[in-house]
N, C-alpha and C. Protein backbone atom coordinates (compact mmCIF):
# COMPACT_ATOMS: atom_id res chain seq x y z
N MET A 1 9.48 28.20 -43.23
CA MET A 1 10.08 28.02 -41.92
C MET A 1 11.27 28.98 -41.84
N LYS A 2 11.24 29.87 -40.83
CA LYS A 2 12.30 30.86 -40.69
C LYS A 2 12.96 30.72 -39.31
N LEU A 3 14.24 30.36 -39.32
CA LEU A 3 15.01 30.18 -38.09
C LEU A 3 15.91 31.39 -37.91
N LYS A 4 15.91 31.97 -36.69
CA LYS A 4 16.73 33.15 -36.39
C LYS A 4 17.50 32.95 -35.10
N LEU A 5 18.68 33.53 -35.06
CA LEU A 5 19.50 33.59 -33.85
C LEU A 5 19.63 35.07 -33.53
N ILE A 6 19.11 35.48 -32.36
CA ILE A 6 19.03 36.89 -32.01
C ILE A 6 19.72 37.14 -30.68
N ARG A 7 20.64 38.10 -30.65
CA ARG A 7 21.29 38.47 -29.40
C ARG A 7 20.25 39.09 -28.46
N THR A 8 20.26 38.67 -27.23
CA THR A 8 19.23 39.11 -26.28
C THR A 8 19.60 40.45 -25.64
N THR A 9 18.59 41.02 -25.01
CA THR A 9 18.76 42.22 -24.19
C THR A 9 18.40 41.87 -22.76
N PHE A 10 18.66 42.78 -21.85
CA PHE A 10 18.37 42.56 -20.43
C PHE A 10 16.89 42.21 -20.23
N SER A 11 16.03 42.80 -21.04
CA SER A 11 14.59 42.55 -20.89
C SER A 11 14.18 41.13 -21.31
N ASP A 12 15.07 40.40 -21.96
CA ASP A 12 14.79 39.01 -22.36
C ASP A 12 15.08 38.01 -21.25
N CYS A 13 15.66 38.45 -20.15
CA CYS A 13 16.03 37.52 -19.07
C CYS A 13 14.86 36.66 -18.58
N PRO A 14 13.66 37.20 -18.40
CA PRO A 14 12.55 36.33 -17.98
C PRO A 14 12.25 35.22 -18.98
N ASP A 15 12.37 35.50 -20.28
CA ASP A 15 12.15 34.46 -21.30
C ASP A 15 13.23 33.38 -21.20
N ILE A 16 14.47 33.80 -21.01
CA ILE A 16 15.57 32.84 -20.85
C ILE A 16 15.32 31.97 -19.63
N TYR A 17 14.89 32.58 -18.55
CA TYR A 17 14.60 31.85 -17.31
C TYR A 17 13.50 30.82 -17.53
N ARG A 18 12.42 31.21 -18.19
CA ARG A 18 11.31 30.28 -18.45
C ARG A 18 11.78 29.09 -19.29
N LEU A 19 12.61 29.36 -20.30
CA LEU A 19 13.14 28.27 -21.12
C LEU A 19 14.00 27.33 -20.28
N GLN A 20 14.81 27.89 -19.42
CA GLN A 20 15.69 27.08 -18.57
C GLN A 20 14.89 26.19 -17.64
N ILE A 21 13.87 26.75 -17.01
CA ILE A 21 13.03 25.97 -16.09
C ILE A 21 12.31 24.87 -16.86
N ARG A 22 11.77 25.21 -18.03
CA ARG A 22 11.04 24.23 -18.83
C ARG A 22 11.98 23.12 -19.33
N SER A 23 13.19 23.50 -19.70
CA SER A 23 14.13 22.52 -20.26
C SER A 23 14.70 21.56 -19.23
N PHE A 24 14.92 22.04 -18.01
CA PHE A 24 15.59 21.22 -17.01
C PHE A 24 14.68 20.75 -15.88
N GLY A 25 13.42 21.16 -15.90
CA GLY A 25 12.50 20.83 -14.82
C GLY A 25 12.29 19.35 -14.59
N GLU A 26 12.12 18.58 -15.66
CA GLU A 26 11.89 17.13 -15.51
C GLU A 26 13.10 16.44 -14.90
N LEU A 27 14.29 16.84 -15.34
CA LEU A 27 15.51 16.24 -14.77
C LEU A 27 15.67 16.62 -13.31
N LEU A 28 15.30 17.84 -12.97
CA LEU A 28 15.36 18.28 -11.56
C LEU A 28 14.43 17.43 -10.71
N GLU A 29 13.23 17.21 -11.21
CA GLU A 29 12.27 16.37 -10.48
C GLU A 29 12.79 14.95 -10.30
N LYS A 30 13.36 14.42 -11.37
CA LYS A 30 13.83 13.03 -11.35
C LYS A 30 15.02 12.84 -10.41
N TYR A 31 16.03 13.72 -10.52
CA TYR A 31 17.28 13.51 -9.79
C TYR A 31 17.41 14.34 -8.52
N GLN A 32 16.52 15.32 -8.33
CA GLN A 32 16.55 16.15 -7.12
C GLN A 32 17.93 16.79 -6.89
N ASP A 33 18.60 17.17 -7.96
CA ASP A 33 19.94 17.75 -7.85
C ASP A 33 19.88 19.29 -7.79
N TYR A 34 19.35 19.76 -6.68
CA TYR A 34 19.08 21.19 -6.52
C TYR A 34 20.34 22.06 -6.48
N GLU A 35 21.47 21.48 -6.20
CA GLU A 35 22.72 22.25 -6.14
C GLU A 35 23.33 22.51 -7.51
N THR A 36 23.06 21.65 -8.49
CA THR A 36 23.73 21.76 -9.78
C THR A 36 22.81 21.92 -10.98
N ASN A 37 21.55 21.59 -10.85
CA ASN A 37 20.64 21.62 -11.98
C ASN A 37 20.21 23.06 -12.29
N PRO A 38 20.34 23.50 -13.56
CA PRO A 38 19.90 24.85 -13.93
C PRO A 38 18.42 25.09 -13.69
N GLY A 39 17.63 24.04 -13.62
CA GLY A 39 16.21 24.18 -13.34
C GLY A 39 15.91 24.65 -11.93
N ALA A 40 16.90 24.61 -11.06
CA ALA A 40 16.72 25.04 -9.67
C ALA A 40 17.22 26.47 -9.44
N GLU A 41 17.82 27.07 -10.45
CA GLU A 41 18.36 28.43 -10.28
C GLU A 41 17.24 29.45 -10.15
N LYS A 42 17.53 30.51 -9.46
CA LYS A 42 16.62 31.65 -9.33
C LYS A 42 16.83 32.57 -10.52
N ILE A 43 15.83 33.35 -10.86
CA ILE A 43 15.93 34.26 -12.00
C ILE A 43 17.04 35.30 -11.78
N GLU A 44 17.32 35.62 -10.54
CA GLU A 44 18.38 36.60 -10.24
C GLU A 44 19.73 36.15 -10.81
N ARG A 45 19.94 34.84 -10.85
CA ARG A 45 21.20 34.33 -11.39
C ARG A 45 21.32 34.60 -12.89
N ILE A 46 20.21 34.54 -13.59
CA ILE A 46 20.20 34.87 -15.02
C ILE A 46 20.60 36.34 -15.20
N TYR A 47 19.99 37.22 -14.39
CA TYR A 47 20.32 38.65 -14.46
C TYR A 47 21.80 38.89 -14.14
N GLU A 48 22.31 38.21 -13.13
CA GLU A 48 23.73 38.37 -12.76
C GLU A 48 24.65 37.97 -13.91
N ARG A 49 24.39 36.82 -14.50
CA ARG A 49 25.24 36.36 -15.60
C ARG A 49 25.12 37.29 -16.81
N PHE A 50 23.92 37.78 -17.07
CA PHE A 50 23.71 38.66 -18.21
C PHE A 50 24.59 39.91 -18.09
N GLN A 51 24.77 40.37 -16.89
CA GLN A 51 25.54 41.60 -16.66
C GLN A 51 27.05 41.38 -16.69
N GLN A 52 27.50 40.16 -16.76
CA GLN A 52 28.94 39.89 -16.86
C GLN A 52 29.40 40.24 -18.28
N SER A 53 30.54 40.91 -18.37
CA SER A 53 31.02 41.35 -19.68
C SER A 53 31.36 40.16 -20.60
N GLU A 54 31.70 39.03 -20.03
CA GLU A 54 32.08 37.88 -20.85
C GLU A 54 30.90 36.99 -21.23
N THR A 55 29.69 37.36 -20.85
CA THR A 55 28.52 36.53 -21.10
C THR A 55 27.61 37.16 -22.15
N ASP A 56 27.22 36.35 -23.12
CA ASP A 56 26.21 36.74 -24.11
C ASP A 56 25.14 35.67 -24.13
N TYR A 57 23.91 36.08 -24.28
CA TYR A 57 22.80 35.15 -24.47
C TYR A 57 22.22 35.38 -25.86
N TRP A 58 21.82 34.31 -26.50
CA TRP A 58 21.20 34.37 -27.81
C TRP A 58 19.91 33.58 -27.76
N MET A 59 18.86 34.12 -28.37
CA MET A 59 17.58 33.43 -28.48
C MET A 59 17.51 32.75 -29.83
N ILE A 60 16.93 31.58 -29.84
CA ILE A 60 16.69 30.85 -31.08
C ILE A 60 15.19 30.93 -31.34
N LYS A 61 14.83 31.50 -32.49
CA LYS A 61 13.42 31.65 -32.83
C LYS A 61 13.12 30.89 -34.12
N LEU A 62 11.99 30.25 -34.12
CA LEU A 62 11.47 29.58 -35.31
C LEU A 62 10.13 30.22 -35.61
N ASN A 63 10.04 30.88 -36.76
CA ASN A 63 8.79 31.58 -37.13
C ASN A 63 8.33 32.51 -36.01
N GLU A 64 9.26 33.25 -35.43
CA GLU A 64 9.00 34.24 -34.37
C GLU A 64 8.66 33.64 -33.01
N GLU A 65 8.64 32.33 -32.88
CA GLU A 65 8.41 31.68 -31.59
C GLU A 65 9.77 31.33 -30.98
N ILE A 66 9.97 31.67 -29.71
CA ILE A 66 11.22 31.35 -29.04
C ILE A 66 11.23 29.85 -28.76
N ILE A 67 12.24 29.17 -29.30
CA ILE A 67 12.32 27.72 -29.10
C ILE A 67 13.58 27.30 -28.33
N GLY A 68 14.45 28.26 -28.04
CA GLY A 68 15.65 27.92 -27.31
C GLY A 68 16.52 29.14 -27.05
N ALA A 69 17.57 28.92 -26.30
CA ALA A 69 18.54 29.97 -26.00
C ALA A 69 19.90 29.35 -25.75
N VAL A 70 20.92 30.09 -26.08
CA VAL A 70 22.29 29.67 -25.82
C VAL A 70 23.04 30.86 -25.24
């Protein structure tokens, strides 16, 4: 079992977006909190944050499979 933390690149934004939607989708459905739930964000918001100098994204991989992001 090999766990890795990898700094992302701009091209990883779609993967980050998919993880975010998958992670928060059930809560969005349950609470319908479209104003605050990350599951309701558009992918453009991920790109915007990625381009901020104070923002870094990291992918968490287990055996080369993406299992999370921070």
